[in-house]
Amino acid sequence: MRKLFIAAALTAACAMAAFGADAKAGKAPYDKACKSCHGADGAPNAGVAKMMKVEMKDLKSPEAQAASDADLKKIVTDGKGKMKPCPAVTGADVDNVVAFMRSLKK
C-alpha cells in the first residue's frame, strides 16, 4: 500500500510539473535569448539563417511543434547543430519558454 501511495504521489508531482509551465512567463526569456534568431512570432530571422548558412525552422510549423517538450528543452539547454545552448534560459524558464513556443503554433 505504501509503495502504491508513493507511486501515486510521484505521478501527481510529475503531472503538476508538466502543467506548471507558463507561456506568458516564457515570453520574457524568449524575447531576451531567442527572439533575435527566431523572431517575435517564431519565424526565423532570414539574415541570421543566411549568415550561419543554415535552414532555420519556423517555430510555428507543424514540424517544429511535433517535437516533444523534452526535445525542445534539450535544444534550448544544449543547442543543436550551429545553434548554441542558451545559458540565459535556466530552471523553470526552460519550461516556460517551451510553453511560449507551443503558444505560437499555427
C-alpha atoms as a PDB file:
ATOM      1  CA  MET A   1       0.000   0.000   0.000  1.00  0.00           C
ATOM      2  CA  ARG A   2       2.827   2.370   0.872  1.00  0.00           C
ATOM      3  CA  LYS A   3       4.539   1.748  -2.485  1.00  0.00           C
ATOM      4  CA  LEU A   4       1.275   2.455  -4.269  1.00  0.00           C
ATOM      5  CA  PHE A   5       0.884   5.733  -2.375  1.00  0.00           C
ATOM      6  CA  ILE A   6       4.458   6.792  -3.194  1.00  0.00           C
ATOM      7  CA  ALA A   7       3.976   5.927  -6.879  1.00  0.00           C
ATOM      8  CA  ALA A   8       0.728   7.920  -6.975  1.00  0.00           C
ATOM      9  CA  ALA A   9       2.373  10.891  -5.274  1.00  0.00           C
ATOM     10  CA  LEU A  10       5.296  10.855  -7.712  1.00  0.00           C
ATOM     11  CA  THR A  11       2.938  10.631 -10.675  1.00  0.00           C
ATOM     12  CA  ALA A  12       0.926  13.578  -9.371  1.00  0.00           C
ATOM     13  CA  ALA A  13       4.096  15.617  -8.788  1.00  0.00           C
ATOM     14  CA  CYS A  14       5.326  14.946 -12.328  1.00  0.00           C
ATOM     15  CA  ALA A  15       1.942  15.870 -13.779  1.00  0.00           C
ATOM     16  CA  MET A  16       1.900  19.118 -11.815  1.00  0.00           C
ATOM     17  CA  ALA A  17       5.394  19.963 -13.050  1.00  0.00           C
ATOM     18  CA  ALA A  18       4.351  19.309 -16.636  1.00  0.00           C
ATOM     19  CA  PHE A  19       1.320  21.569 -16.331  1.00  0.00           C
ATOM     20  CA  GLY A  20       3.182  24.212 -14.328  1.00  0.00           C
ATOM     21  CA  ALA A  21       4.800  25.824 -17.360  1.00  0.00           C
ATOM     22  CA  ASP A  22       3.572  29.342 -18.097  1.00  0.00           C
ATOM     23  CA  ALA A  23       3.628  30.624 -21.683  1.00  0.00           C
ATOM     24  CA  LYS A  24       3.200  34.236 -20.536  1.00  0.00           C
ATOM     25  CA  ALA A  25       6.188  33.895 -18.199  1.00  0.00           C
ATOM     26  CA  GLY A  26       8.164  32.329 -21.066  1.00  0.00           C
ATOM     27  CA  LYS A  27       7.807  35.366 -23.321  1.00  0.00           C
ATOM     28  CA  ALA A  28      10.380  37.492 -21.474  1.00  0.00           C
ATOM     29  CA  PRO A  29      13.209  34.920 -21.526  1.00  0.00           C
ATOM     30  CA  TYR A  30      12.279  34.032 -25.130  1.00  0.00           C
ATOM     31  CA  ASP A  31      12.494  37.708 -26.104  1.00  0.00           C
ATOM     32  CA  LYS A  32      15.864  38.013 -24.376  1.00  0.00           C
ATOM     33  CA  ALA A  33      17.532  34.824 -25.587  1.00  0.00           C
ATOM     34  CA  CYS A  34      15.672  33.563 -28.663  1.00  0.00           C
ATOM     35  CA  LYS A  35      13.896  36.376 -30.493  1.00  0.00           C
ATOM     36  CA  SER A  36      16.949  37.747 -32.304  1.00  0.00           C
ATOM     37  CA  CYS A  37      17.262  34.498 -34.281  1.00  0.00           C
ATOM     38  CA  HIS A  38      13.756  33.013 -34.119  1.00  0.00           C
ATOM     39  CA  GLY A  39      11.701  36.189 -34.352  1.00  0.00           C
ATOM     40  CA  ALA A  40       8.988  37.506 -32.067  1.00  0.00           C
ATOM     41  CA  ASP A  41       6.443  35.164 -33.633  1.00  0.00           C
ATOM     42  CA  GLY A  42       8.732  32.149 -34.178  1.00  0.00           C
ATOM     43  CA  ALA A  43       9.540  32.996 -37.800  1.00  0.00           C
ATOM     44  CA  PRO A  44      13.288  32.628 -38.436  1.00  0.00           C
ATOM     45  CA  ASN A  45      15.426  35.699 -38.975  1.00  0.00           C
ATOM     46  CA  ALA A  46      16.451  35.302 -42.627  1.00  0.00           C
ATOM     47  CA  GLY A  47      19.617  37.369 -42.138  1.00  0.00           C
ATOM     48  CA  VAL A  48      20.851  35.162 -39.308  1.00  0.00           C
ATOM     49  CA  ALA A  49      19.990  31.989 -41.232  1.00  0.00           C
ATOM     50  CA  LYS A  50      21.899  33.256 -44.280  1.00  0.00           C
ATOM     51  CA  MET A  51      24.897  34.354 -42.221  1.00  0.00           C
ATOM     52  CA  MET A  52      25.095  30.982 -40.429  1.00  0.00           C
ATOM     53  CA  LYS A  53      24.327  29.088 -43.666  1.00  0.00           C
ATOM     54  CA  VAL A  54      21.521  27.094 -42.059  1.00  0.00           C
ATOM     55  CA  GLU A  55      17.869  26.466 -42.687  1.00  0.00           C
ATOM     56  CA  MET A  56      16.034  27.518 -39.547  1.00  0.00           C
ATOM     57  CA  LYS A  57      12.641  26.028 -38.773  1.00  0.00           C
ATOM     58  CA  ASP A  58       9.669  28.276 -38.160  1.00  0.00           C
ATOM     59  CA  LEU A  59       8.709  27.520 -34.562  1.00  0.00           C
ATOM     60  CA  LYS A  60       5.029  27.714 -35.560  1.00  0.00           C
ATOM     61  CA  SER A  61       5.394  24.965 -38.162  1.00  0.00           C
ATOM     62  CA  PRO A  62       3.845  21.543 -37.641  1.00  0.00           C
ATOM     63  CA  GLU A  63       7.338  20.048 -37.877  1.00  0.00           C
ATOM     64  CA  ALA A  64       8.733  22.171 -35.027  1.00  0.00           C
ATOM     65  CA  GLN A  65       5.561  21.771 -32.963  1.00  0.00           C
ATOM     66  CA  ALA A  66       5.768  17.972 -33.362  1.00  0.00           C
ATOM     67  CA  ALA A  67       8.956  17.881 -31.284  1.00  0.00           C
ATOM     68  CA  SER A  68       8.414  16.682 -27.739  1.00  0.00           C
ATOM     69  CA  ASP A  69       8.770  19.085 -24.831  1.00  0.00           C
ATOM     70  CA  ALA A  70      11.817  17.094 -23.724  1.00  0.00           C
ATOM     71  CA  ASP A  71      13.412  17.538 -27.158  1.00  0.00           C
ATOM     72  CA  LEU A  72      12.719  21.275 -27.165  1.00  0.00           C
ATOM     73  CA  LYS A  73      14.145  21.641 -23.648  1.00  0.00           C
ATOM     74  CA  LYS A  74      17.267  19.778 -24.760  1.00  0.00           C
ATOM     75  CA  ILE A  75      17.692  22.095 -27.740  1.00  0.00           C
ATOM     76  CA  VAL A  76      17.318  25.173 -25.517  1.00  0.00           C
ATOM     77  CA  THR A  77      19.771  23.902 -22.903  1.00  0.00           C
ATOM     78  CA  ASP A  78      22.265  22.006 -25.096  1.00  0.00           C
ATOM     79  CA  GLY A  79      21.883  23.627 -28.511  1.00  0.00           C
ATOM     80  CA  LYS A  80      21.526  21.810 -31.827  1.00  0.00           C
ATOM     81  CA  GLY A  81      23.666  21.986 -34.924  1.00  0.00           C
ATOM     82  CA  LYS A  82      25.047  25.514 -35.176  1.00  0.00           C
ATOM     83  CA  MET A  83      22.642  26.770 -32.514  1.00  0.00           C
ATOM     84  CA  LYS A  84      24.498  27.303 -29.259  1.00  0.00           C
ATOM     85  CA  PRO A  85      22.969  26.484 -25.865  1.00  0.00           C
ATOM     86  CA  CYS A  86      21.027  29.307 -24.221  1.00  0.00           C
ATOM     87  CA  PRO A  87      22.740  29.823 -20.841  1.00  0.00           C
ATOM     88  CA  ALA A  88      20.399  32.732 -20.068  1.00  0.00           C
ATOM     89  CA  VAL A  89      17.432  30.324 -20.023  1.00  0.00           C
ATOM     90  CA  THR A  90      17.596  28.091 -16.949  1.00  0.00           C
ATOM     91  CA  GLY A  91      15.393  26.393 -14.402  1.00  0.00           C
ATOM     92  CA  ALA A  92      11.660  26.994 -14.730  1.00  0.00           C
ATOM     93  CA  ASP A  93      12.318  29.435 -17.573  1.00  0.00           C
ATOM     94  CA  VAL A  94      13.195  26.487 -19.836  1.00  0.00           C
ATOM     95  CA  ASP A  95       9.713  25.016 -19.304  1.00  0.00           C
ATOM     96  CA  ASN A  96       8.152  28.453 -19.703  1.00  0.00           C
ATOM     97  CA  VAL A  97       9.994  29.118 -22.976  1.00  0.00           C
ATOM     98  CA  VAL A  98       8.830  25.751 -24.321  1.00  0.00           C
ATOM     99  CA  ALA A  99       5.260  26.657 -23.282  1.00  0.00           C
ATOM    100  CA  PHE A 100       5.653  30.009 -25.065  1.00  0.00           C
ATOM    101  CA  MET A 101       6.914  28.242 -28.202  1.00  0.00           C
ATOM    102  CA  ARG A 102       3.864  25.962 -28.047  1.00  0.00           C
ATOM    103  CA  SER A 103       1.623  29.043 -27.905  1.00  0.00           C
ATOM    104  CA  LEU A 104       2.998  30.170 -31.286  1.00  0.00           C
ATOM    105  CA  LYS A 105       1.706  27.175 -33.256  1.00  0.00           C
ATOM    106  CA  LYS A 106      -0.208  27.824 -36.447  1.00  0.00           C
END
